[in-house]
Amino acid sequence: MSSYRDLDIYKISFSLFLKTHPFSLKLPKFELYELGSQLRRSSNSVNTNIVEGYGRRIYKSDFIKFLVYAEASNLETSSHLEKILVLYPYLSIDC
């Protein structure tokens, strides 16, 4: 493995970000900077924590710590998506 880009989890998290970002922009205007912003930031954080953890992989405990952060951000992203699907069922995300 020569790069974090070789990690399957990186590829999945990057795909998540690329799907959730434009989806969040479909929210009503008053939600763009509330729930939409939280969704964009949490999905970005999943990916970013994987990259940062990979950068610290020489220290196994740091790598694991950042993967745990990524998992927590993924749970946060899932929660935001659940809220959006309940509040705005007319929106659809292509997954």
N, C-alpha and C. Protein backbone atom coordinates (compact mmCIF):
# COMPACT_ATOMS: atom_id res chain seq x y z
N MET A 1 0.86 -1.17 0.00
CA MET A 1 0.00 0.00 0.00
C MET A 1 0.90 1.23 0.00
N SER A 2 0.81 1.99 -1.09
CA SER A 2 1.71 3.13 -1.21
C SER A 2 1.02 4.46 -0.91
N SER A 3 -0.29 4.45 -0.76
CA SER A 3 -1.02 5.68 -0.52
C SER A 3 -2.35 5.38 0.19
N TYR A 4 -2.87 6.37 0.87
CA TYR A 4 -4.19 6.22 1.47
C TYR A 4 -5.25 5.98 0.39
N ARG A 5 -4.96 6.42 -0.82
CA ARG A 5 -5.91 6.22 -1.93
C ARG A 5 -6.09 4.74 -2.28
N ASP A 6 -5.18 3.90 -1.82
CA ASP A 6 -5.28 2.46 -2.05
C ASP A 6 -6.23 1.78 -1.06
N LEU A 7 -6.59 2.46 0.01
CA LEU A 7 -7.47 1.88 1.02
C LEU A 7 -8.91 1.85 0.52
N ASP A 8 -9.55 0.70 0.62
CA ASP A 8 -10.95 0.59 0.22
C ASP A 8 -11.83 1.53 1.03
N ILE A 9 -11.54 1.67 2.31
CA ILE A 9 -12.35 2.53 3.17
C ILE A 9 -12.21 4.00 2.76
N TYR A 10 -11.05 4.38 2.26
CA TYR A 10 -10.88 5.74 1.74
C TYR A 10 -11.78 5.93 0.52
N LYS A 11 -11.75 4.96 -0.39
CA LYS A 11 -12.56 5.06 -1.61
C LYS A 11 -14.05 5.15 -1.28
N ILE A 12 -14.49 4.35 -0.32
CA ILE A 12 -15.91 4.37 0.09
C ILE A 12 -16.26 5.72 0.72
N SER A 13 -15.39 6.21 1.60
CA SER A 13 -15.68 7.47 2.29
C SER A 13 -15.65 8.65 1.32
N PHE A 14 -14.78 8.59 0.33
CA PHE A 14 -14.72 9.66 -0.67
C PHE A 14 -16.00 9.66 -1.50
N SER A 15 -16.46 8.47 -1.85
CA SER A 15 -17.72 8.33 -2.59
C SER A 15 -18.89 8.87 -1.77
N LEU A 16 -18.90 8.56 -0.47
CA LEU A 16 -19.93 9.10 0.42
C LEU A 16 -19.94 10.62 0.37
N PHE A 17 -18.77 11.21 0.49
CA PHE A 17 -18.67 12.67 0.46
C PHE A 17 -19.18 13.23 -0.87
N LEU A 18 -18.77 12.60 -1.97
CA LEU A 18 -19.17 13.10 -3.29
C LEU A 18 -20.68 13.00 -3.53
N LYS A 19 -21.34 12.07 -2.85
CA LYS A 19 -22.79 11.94 -2.99
C LYS A 19 -23.54 12.85 -2.02
N THR A 20 -23.05 12.97 -0.80
CA THR A 20 -23.78 13.75 0.19
C THR A 20 -23.63 15.26 -0.02
N HIS A 21 -22.52 15.70 -0.55
CA HIS A 21 -22.33 17.15 -0.72
C HIS A 21 -23.37 17.75 -1.67
N PRO A 22 -23.49 17.26 -2.90
CA PRO A 22 -24.53 17.85 -3.77
C PRO A 22 -25.95 17.59 -3.25
N PHE A 23 -26.15 16.45 -2.60
CA PHE A 23 -27.46 16.16 -2.02
C PHE A 23 -27.83 17.21 -0.99
N SER A 24 -26.87 17.61 -0.15
CA SER A 24 -27.15 18.59 0.90
C SER A 24 -27.56 19.94 0.33
N LEU A 25 -27.14 20.22 -0.90
CA LEU A 25 -27.46 21.49 -1.53
C LEU A 25 -28.88 21.51 -2.08
N LYS A 26 -29.58 20.37 -2.07
CA LYS A 26 -30.97 20.28 -2.50
C LYS A 26 -31.94 20.64 -1.38
N LEU A 27 -31.42 20.80 -0.17
CA LEU A 27 -32.27 21.12 0.97
C LEU A 27 -32.88 22.52 0.81
N PRO A 28 -33.99 22.77 1.49
CA PRO A 28 -34.54 24.13 1.46
C PRO A 28 -33.50 25.14 1.92
N LYS A 29 -33.61 26.35 1.41
CA LYS A 29 -32.59 27.38 1.69
C LYS A 29 -32.30 27.56 3.17
N PHE A 30 -33.32 27.52 4.00
CA PHE A 30 -33.10 27.74 5.43
C PHE A 30 -32.33 26.58 6.08
N GLU A 31 -32.24 25.45 5.41
CA GLU A 31 -31.49 24.30 5.94
C GLU A 31 -30.07 24.21 5.38
N LEU A 32 -29.75 24.98 4.37
CA LEU A 32 -28.43 24.89 3.74
C LEU A 32 -27.30 25.14 4.74
N TYR A 33 -27.53 26.06 5.66
CA TYR A 33 -26.47 26.41 6.61
C TYR A 33 -26.69 25.79 7.97
N GLU A 34 -27.71 25.00 8.11
CA GLU A 34 -27.97 24.30 9.36
C GLU A 34 -27.67 22.81 9.15
N LEU A 35 -28.69 22.05 8.87
CA LEU A 35 -28.53 20.61 8.68
C LEU A 35 -27.64 20.28 7.48
N GLY A 36 -27.77 21.07 6.43
CA GLY A 36 -26.95 20.85 5.23
C GLY A 36 -25.47 21.00 5.52
N SER A 37 -25.12 22.04 6.24
CA SER A 37 -23.72 22.28 6.60
C SER A 37 -23.19 21.17 7.50
N GLN A 38 -24.01 20.73 8.45
CA GLN A 38 -23.57 19.65 9.34
C GLN A 38 -23.33 18.37 8.54
N LEU A 39 -24.19 18.08 7.58
CA LEU A 39 -24.01 16.90 6.74
C LEU A 39 -22.73 17.00 5.92
N ARG A 40 -22.50 18.15 5.32
CA ARG A 40 -21.29 18.33 4.52
C ARG A 40 -20.03 18.18 5.38
N ARG A 41 -20.04 18.78 6.55
CA ARG A 41 -18.86 18.72 7.42
C ARG A 41 -18.61 17.32 7.97
N SER A 42 -19.66 16.63 8.37
CA SER A 42 -19.46 15.29 8.94
C SER A 42 -19.01 14.29 7.86
N SER A 43 -19.59 14.37 6.65
CA SER A 43 -19.16 13.44 5.60
C SER A 43 -17.73 13.74 5.16
N ASN A 44 -17.36 15.00 5.17
CA ASN A 44 -15.98 15.37 4.86
C ASN A 44 -15.03 14.87 5.95
N SER A 45 -15.48 14.92 7.18
CA SER A 45 -14.66 14.50 8.31
C SER A 45 -14.35 13.00 8.28
N VAL A 46 -15.30 12.20 7.81
CA VAL A 46 -15.05 10.75 7.69
C VAL A 46 -13.80 10.55 6.84
N ASN A 47 -13.83 11.14 5.67
CA ASN A 47 -12.74 10.98 4.71
C ASN A 47 -11.44 11.60 5.22
N THR A 48 -11.53 12.78 5.77
CA THR A 48 -10.33 13.48 6.23
C THR A 48 -9.64 12.76 7.38
N ASN A 49 -10.42 12.19 8.29
CA ASN A 49 -9.81 11.45 9.40
C ASN A 49 -9.10 10.19 8.94
N ILE A 50 -9.61 9.55 7.91
CA ILE A 50 -8.92 8.38 7.35
C ILE A 50 -7.57 8.80 6.77
N VAL A 51 -7.57 9.90 6.04
CA VAL A 51 -6.32 10.40 5.44
C VAL A 51 -5.33 10.81 6.53
N GLU A 52 -5.80 11.54 7.53
CA GLU A 52 -4.90 11.97 8.60
C GLU A 52 -4.36 10.78 9.38
N GLY A 53 -5.22 9.81 9.65
CA GLY A 53 -4.77 8.61 10.34
C GLY A 53 -3.71 7.87 9.54
N TYR A 54 -3.92 7.79 8.23
CA TYR A 54 -2.93 7.13 7.38
C TYR A 54 -1.59 7.87 7.46
N GLY A 55 -1.65 9.19 7.52
CA GLY A 55 -0.43 9.98 7.64
C GLY A 55 0.32 9.73 8.93
N ARG A 56 -0.37 9.23 9.94
CA ARG A 56 0.24 8.94 11.24
C ARG A 56 0.38 7.44 11.47
N ARG A 57 0.30 6.66 10.40
CA ARG A 57 0.29 5.20 10.53
C ARG A 57 1.54 4.63 11.16
N ILE A 58 2.61 5.39 11.16
CA ILE A 58 3.83 4.92 11.81
C ILE A 58 3.58 4.70 13.32
N TYR A 59 2.62 5.47 13.85
CA TYR A 59 2.21 5.32 15.24
C TYR A 59 0.86 4.62 15.25
N LYS A 60 0.88 3.33 15.49
CA LYS A 60 -0.33 2.51 15.39
C LYS A 60 -1.50 3.07 16.19
N SER A 61 -1.23 3.54 17.40
CA SER A 61 -2.32 4.06 18.25
C SER A 61 -2.94 5.32 17.64
N ASP A 62 -2.12 6.16 16.99
CA ASP A 62 -2.66 7.35 16.33
C ASP A 62 -3.53 6.95 15.14
N PHE A 63 -3.06 5.98 14.37
CA PHE A 63 -3.83 5.51 13.21
C PHE A 63 -5.19 5.01 13.67
N ILE A 64 -5.19 4.19 14.71
CA ILE A 64 -6.44 3.63 15.24
C ILE A 64 -7.35 4.75 15.75
N LYS A 65 -6.76 5.72 16.46
CA LYS A 65 -7.53 6.84 17.01
C LYS A 65 -8.27 7.59 15.90
N PHE A 66 -7.58 7.86 14.80
CA PHE A 66 -8.22 8.60 13.71
C PHE A 66 -9.26 7.75 12.97
N LEU A 67 -9.06 6.45 12.93
CA LEU A 67 -10.08 5.58 12.35
C LEU A 67 -11.33 5.56 13.23
N VAL A 68 -11.15 5.64 14.54
CA VAL A 68 -12.29 5.74 15.45
C VAL A 68 -13.02 7.06 15.23
N TYR A 69 -12.26 8.15 15.05
CA TYR A 69 -12.88 9.45 14.75
C TYR A 69 -13.68 9.36 13.45
N ALA A 70 -13.12 8.68 12.45
CA ALA A 70 -13.81 8.53 11.17
C ALA A 70 -15.11 7.76 11.34
N GLU A 71 -15.08 6.72 12.16
CA GLU A 71 -16.30 5.95 12.42
C GLU A 71 -17.36 6.82 13.11
N ALA A 72 -16.93 7.62 14.07
CA ALA A 72 -17.87 8.50 14.77
C ALA A 72 -18.47 9.52 13.81
N SER A 73 -17.66 10.06 12.92
CA SER A 73 -18.17 11.01 11.93
C SER A 73 -19.12 10.32 10.95
N ASN A 74 -18.85 9.07 10.66
CA ASN A 74 -19.75 8.31 9.79
C ASN A 74 -21.11 8.12 10.45
N LEU A 75 -21.11 7.83 11.75
CA LEU A 75 -22.37 7.70 12.49
C LEU A 75 -23.12 9.04 12.50
N GLU A 76 -22.39 10.12 12.67
CA GLU A 76 -23.00 11.45 12.64
C GLU A 76 -23.63 11.71 11.27
N THR A 77 -22.91 11.36 10.21
CA THR A 77 -23.43 11.54 8.85
C THR A 77 -24.70 10.73 8.66
N SER A 78 -24.71 9.50 9.12
CA SER A 78 -25.90 8.64 9.01
C SER A 78 -27.08 9.27 9.74
N SER A 79 -26.83 9.84 10.91
CA SER A 79 -27.88 10.48 11.68
C SER A 79 -28.46 11.68 10.93
N HIS A 80 -27.59 12.50 10.34
CA HIS A 80 -28.06 13.65 9.57
C HIS A 80 -28.91 13.20 8.38
N LEU A 81 -28.47 12.14 7.70
CA LEU A 81 -29.23 11.63 6.56
C LEU A 81 -30.60 11.10 6.99
N GLU A 82 -30.64 10.42 8.13
CA GLU A 82 -31.93 9.94 8.65
C GLU A 82 -32.89 11.10 8.90
N LYS A 83 -32.38 12.15 9.52
CA LYS A 83 -33.21 13.32 9.79
C LYS A 83 -33.75 13.93 8.50
N ILE A 84 -32.87 14.07 7.53
CA ILE A 84 -33.26 14.66 6.25
C ILE A 84 -34.32 13.80 5.57
N LEU A 85 -34.14 12.49 5.60
CA LEU A 85 -35.11 11.60 4.94
C LEU A 85 -36.48 11.66 5.61
N VAL A 86 -36.52 11.91 6.91
CA VAL A 86 -37.80 12.03 7.61
C VAL A 86 -38.41 13.41 7.36
N LEU A 87 -37.59 14.46 7.46
CA LEU A 87 -38.10 15.82 7.30
C LEU A 87 -38.44 16.18 5.85
N TYR A 88 -37.67 15.62 4.91
CA TYR A 88 -37.82 15.98 3.50
C TYR A 88 -37.86 14.72 2.64
N PRO A 89 -38.93 13.93 2.78
CA PRO A 89 -39.00 12.64 2.07
C PRO A 89 -39.04 12.77 0.55
N TYR A 90 -39.33 13.95 0.06
CA TYR A 90 -39.38 14.18 -1.39
C TYR A 90 -37.98 14.25 -2.02
N LEU A 91 -36.96 14.43 -1.19
CA LEU A 91 -35.59 14.45 -1.70
C LEU A 91 -35.10 13.01 -1.87
N SER A 92 -34.28 12.80 -2.86
CA SER A 92 -33.71 11.46 -3.02
C SER A 92 -32.21 11.59 -3.25
N ILE A 93 -31.50 10.63 -2.71
CA ILE A 93 -30.05 10.58 -2.91
C ILE A 93 -29.76 9.31 -3.68
N ASP A 94 -28.98 9.44 -4.71
CA ASP A 94 -28.62 8.27 -5.52
C ASP A 94 -27.41 7.59 -4.91
N CYS A 95 -27.64 6.47 -4.27
CA CYS A 95 -26.55 5.73 -3.61
C CYS A 95 -26.30 4.42 -4.30
